[in-house]
Amino acid sequence: MTDLYLSEDSEKVKEAIEERFAAATMFACDNMNELSDKQLRIAFDGDCVLFSDESEIITKTQGLDAFFDNEKKFENKPLAQGPLKGFLEAVWKLQQKFYAKRLSCPIRTYLVTSRSATRGGARVLKTFKSWGLEVDEAMFLAGSPKGPLLQTIRSHIFFDDQMSHIEGARKLGTIAVHVPYSIRNLLQETTPIKS
């Protein structure tokens, strides 16, 4: 079984996601950050990456206030899994092997999300708990750019569904990969390009 498929070919990635594989399109960066050679640091966006696009759909179709209302109403209902949940689960199982032997783990995971901790963050944390998974650090940026934080934590790779976050990460030296799984990506594909 494949836990993750990475490619520079976006069409192959879309095909893999349609077949329900965890997949993402890789984008290199010109001036890569200095990275740890003792610890692998993996950063994930939440919605449309680890979680489904259900909250994204509400935001895009009904607005931000409807999103906040929905998150409050369903705070105790776990989010559905997104395309990379299985990959995070595989990484978590590797981490547990180190923790079980009381060893320092050479893998560190981060959630780097545009969500606010106070409005939507609780549902995210409760979802992880319901899955029996954890990330080492959860950063709720409340809409702030992700690139500067990724540069600070020096993640080796960052998974996101929005190209604006991918570009922001790349400009600041982080290898970023695009997960084309969301209503936003569907709208971008179907909206005619204006000349």
Protein backbone atom coordinates (compact mmCIF):
# COMPACT_ATOMS: atom_id res chain seq x y z
CA MET A 1 0.00 0.00 0.00
CA THR A 2 1.18 3.52 -0.78
CA ASP A 3 1.13 5.98 2.13
CA LEU A 4 2.11 8.95 -0.02
CA TYR A 5 2.61 9.66 -3.71
CA LEU A 6 4.66 12.74 -4.62
CA SER A 7 5.26 13.96 -8.15
CA GLU A 8 6.02 17.08 -10.14
CA ASP A 9 3.27 15.98 -12.55
CA SER A 10 0.06 17.58 -11.27
CA GLU A 11 -2.14 15.45 -13.54
CA LYS A 12 -0.71 12.23 -12.08
CA VAL A 13 -1.30 13.62 -8.60
CA LYS A 14 -4.94 14.40 -9.40
CA GLU A 15 -5.39 10.89 -10.75
CA ALA A 16 -3.88 9.43 -7.58
CA ILE A 17 -6.21 11.49 -5.37
CA GLU A 18 -9.20 10.43 -7.47
CA GLU A 19 -8.14 6.84 -6.76
CA ARG A 20 -8.07 7.75 -3.03
CA PHE A 21 -4.30 7.77 -2.60
CA ALA A 22 -2.54 10.41 -0.53
CA ALA A 23 -0.82 12.50 -3.19
CA ALA A 24 0.67 15.93 -3.74
CA THR A 25 2.53 17.93 -6.36
CA MET A 26 6.06 18.88 -5.34
CA PHE A 27 7.52 22.34 -5.82
CA ALA A 28 11.18 22.96 -5.11
CA CYS A 29 12.47 26.25 -3.80
CA ASP A 30 15.44 28.27 -4.99
CA ASN A 31 17.02 29.19 -1.67
CA MET A 32 16.31 26.34 0.69
CA ASN A 33 16.43 26.95 4.43
CA GLU A 34 19.18 25.37 6.45
CA LEU A 35 17.56 22.19 7.74
CA SER A 36 18.20 19.88 10.64
CA ASP A 37 20.01 16.68 9.75
CA LYS A 38 18.99 15.12 13.06
CA GLN A 39 15.22 15.59 12.86
CA LEU A 40 12.74 15.34 9.99
CA ARG A 41 10.17 18.14 10.29
CA ILE A 42 6.88 17.69 8.45
CA ALA A 43 4.27 20.46 8.37
CA PHE A 44 0.66 19.98 7.33
CA ASP A 45 -2.22 22.31 6.65
CA GLY A 46 -5.47 21.06 8.19
CA ASP A 47 -8.54 21.59 6.03
CA CYS A 48 -8.38 19.79 2.67
CA VAL A 49 -5.11 18.09 3.65
CA LEU A 50 -5.49 16.19 6.92
CA PHE A 51 -9.21 16.91 7.14
CA SER A 52 -11.85 16.85 4.43
CA ASP A 53 -12.94 19.99 2.61
CA GLU A 54 -16.29 20.16 4.45
CA SER A 55 -15.36 23.35 6.33
CA GLU A 56 -13.80 24.87 3.22
CA ILE A 57 -17.03 24.25 1.32
CA ILE A 58 -19.02 26.11 3.97
CA THR A 59 -16.58 29.01 3.91
CA LYS A 60 -16.65 29.29 0.11
CA THR A 61 -20.40 28.82 -0.33
CA GLN A 62 -21.80 30.52 2.78
CA GLY A 63 -19.06 32.78 4.10
CA LEU A 64 -16.77 33.01 7.09
CA ASP A 65 -19.51 33.67 9.65
CA ALA A 66 -21.28 30.47 8.56
CA PHE A 67 -17.97 28.62 8.95
CA PHE A 68 -17.58 29.90 12.52
CA ASP A 69 -21.19 28.97 13.33
CA ASN A 70 -20.70 25.50 11.86
CA GLU A 71 -17.49 24.89 13.78
CA LYS A 72 -19.13 25.93 17.04
CA LYS A 73 -22.25 23.85 16.35
CA PHE A 74 -20.23 20.74 15.45
CA GLU A 75 -17.28 21.29 17.79
CA ASN A 76 -17.66 17.79 19.23
CA LYS A 77 -18.15 16.10 15.85
CA PRO A 78 -14.82 15.02 14.35
CA LEU A 79 -13.97 16.34 10.93
CA ALA A 80 -13.92 13.75 8.16
CA GLN A 81 -10.50 12.62 7.06
CA GLY A 82 -8.68 14.34 4.24
CA PRO A 83 -6.32 12.83 1.71
CA LEU A 84 -3.19 12.89 3.91
CA LYS A 85 -4.69 11.60 7.16
CA GLY A 86 -3.37 8.11 6.40
CA PHE A 87 0.12 9.49 5.82
CA LEU A 88 0.05 11.33 9.16
CA GLU A 89 -1.12 8.09 10.74
CA ALA A 90 1.86 6.21 9.25
CA VAL A 91 4.25 8.90 10.54
CA TRP A 92 2.57 8.77 13.97
CA LYS A 93 3.09 4.99 14.12
CA LEU A 94 6.79 5.49 13.37
CA GLN A 95 7.02 8.11 16.10
CA GLN A 96 5.36 5.77 18.58
CA LYS A 97 8.08 3.17 18.05
CA PHE A 98 10.64 5.68 19.30
CA TYR A 99 8.48 6.88 22.19
CA ALA A 100 7.78 3.28 23.29
CA LYS A 101 11.52 2.76 23.73
CA ARG A 102 11.89 6.17 25.40
CA LEU A 103 14.10 7.33 22.60
CA SER A 104 14.30 10.80 21.15
CA CYS A 105 12.18 10.78 18.01
CA PRO A 106 13.87 11.98 14.81
CA ILE A 107 10.50 13.02 13.32
CA ARG A 108 8.53 16.09 14.35
CA THR A 109 5.09 16.99 12.98
CA TYR A 110 3.38 20.35 12.80
CA LEU A 111 -0.13 21.51 12.02
CA VAL A 112 0.11 24.94 10.39
CA THR A 113 -3.41 26.15 9.75
CA SER A 114 -5.10 29.41 8.82
CA ARG A 115 -7.81 28.61 11.35
CA SER A 116 -8.06 30.60 14.54
CA ALA A 117 -7.42 28.77 17.80
CA THR A 118 -10.44 30.42 19.38
CA ARG A 119 -12.85 29.91 16.46
CA GLY A 120 -12.46 26.47 14.96
CA GLY A 121 -9.36 25.24 16.76
CA ALA A 122 -11.20 23.13 19.33
CA ARG A 123 -12.80 20.98 16.64
CA VAL A 124 -9.39 20.31 15.09
CA LEU A 125 -7.86 19.18 18.38
CA LYS A 126 -10.90 17.05 19.22
CA THR A 127 -10.67 15.46 15.77
CA PHE A 128 -7.06 14.44 16.38
CA LYS A 129 -8.06 13.01 19.75
CA SER A 130 -10.92 11.01 18.21
CA TRP A 131 -8.49 9.60 15.64
CA GLY A 132 -5.99 8.68 18.35
CA LEU A 133 -3.38 10.88 16.65
CA GLU A 134 -1.31 13.85 17.70
CA VAL A 135 0.93 16.38 16.06
CA ASP A 136 3.91 17.66 17.99
CA GLU A 137 2.89 21.28 17.55
CA ALA A 138 -0.31 22.93 16.35
CA MET A 139 -0.11 26.49 15.07
CA PHE A 140 -3.36 28.38 14.49
CA LEU A 141 -2.45 31.43 12.43
CA ALA A 142 -5.89 33.09 12.14
CA GLY A 143 -5.28 33.97 8.51
CA SER A 144 -1.67 35.13 8.83
CA PRO A 145 0.84 34.05 6.17
CA LYS A 146 2.35 30.62 6.75
CA GLY A 147 5.72 31.18 5.06
CA PRO A 148 7.43 33.07 7.92
CA LEU A 149 6.42 30.44 10.48
CA LEU A 150 7.58 27.61 8.22
CA GLN A 151 10.89 29.41 7.80
CA THR A 152 11.20 29.65 11.59
CA ILE A 153 10.44 25.98 12.29
CA ARG A 154 12.55 24.96 9.28
CA SER A 155 10.23 22.25 8.08
CA HIS A 156 11.66 19.89 5.49
CA ILE A 157 8.34 19.68 3.68
CA PHE A 158 5.00 21.46 3.90
CA PHE A 159 1.66 20.15 2.58
CA ASP A 160 -1.13 22.60 1.70
CA ASP A 161 -4.09 22.81 -0.66
CA GLN A 162 -3.75 26.51 -1.48
CA MET A 163 -1.18 27.68 -4.00
CA SER A 164 -0.85 31.05 -2.26
CA HIS A 165 0.50 29.24 0.82
CA ILE A 166 2.71 27.03 -1.35
CA GLU A 167 4.21 30.10 -3.04
CA GLY A 168 4.67 31.89 0.28
CA ALA A 169 6.51 28.89 1.71
CA ARG A 170 8.70 28.46 -1.38
CA LYS A 171 9.71 32.12 -1.41
CA LEU A 172 11.00 31.73 2.14
CA GLY A 173 12.96 28.54 1.51
CA THR A 174 10.56 25.69 2.33
CA ILE A 175 9.90 22.77 0.00
CA ALA A 176 6.15 22.86 -0.44
CA VAL A 177 3.75 20.39 -1.96
CA HIS A 178 0.28 21.09 -3.26
CA VAL A 179 -2.57 18.77 -2.33
CA PRO A 180 -5.22 19.45 -5.01
CA TYR A 181 -8.17 18.40 -2.89
CA SER A 182 -10.70 21.11 -2.17
CA ILE A 183 -13.57 23.12 -3.50
CA ARG A 184 -11.10 26.00 -3.99
CA ASN A 185 -9.07 23.91 -6.44
CA LEU A 186 -12.21 22.80 -8.24
CA LEU A 187 -13.36 26.41 -8.60
CA GLN A 188 -9.95 27.44 -9.92
CA GLU A 189 -10.06 24.67 -12.53
CA THR A 190 -13.57 25.49 -13.73
CA THR A 191 -13.31 29.27 -13.71
CA PRO A 192 -12.34 30.51 -17.17
CA ILE A 193 -9.12 32.48 -17.33
CA LYS A 194 -9.77 36.07 -18.31
CA SER A 195 -7.47 37.50 -20.93
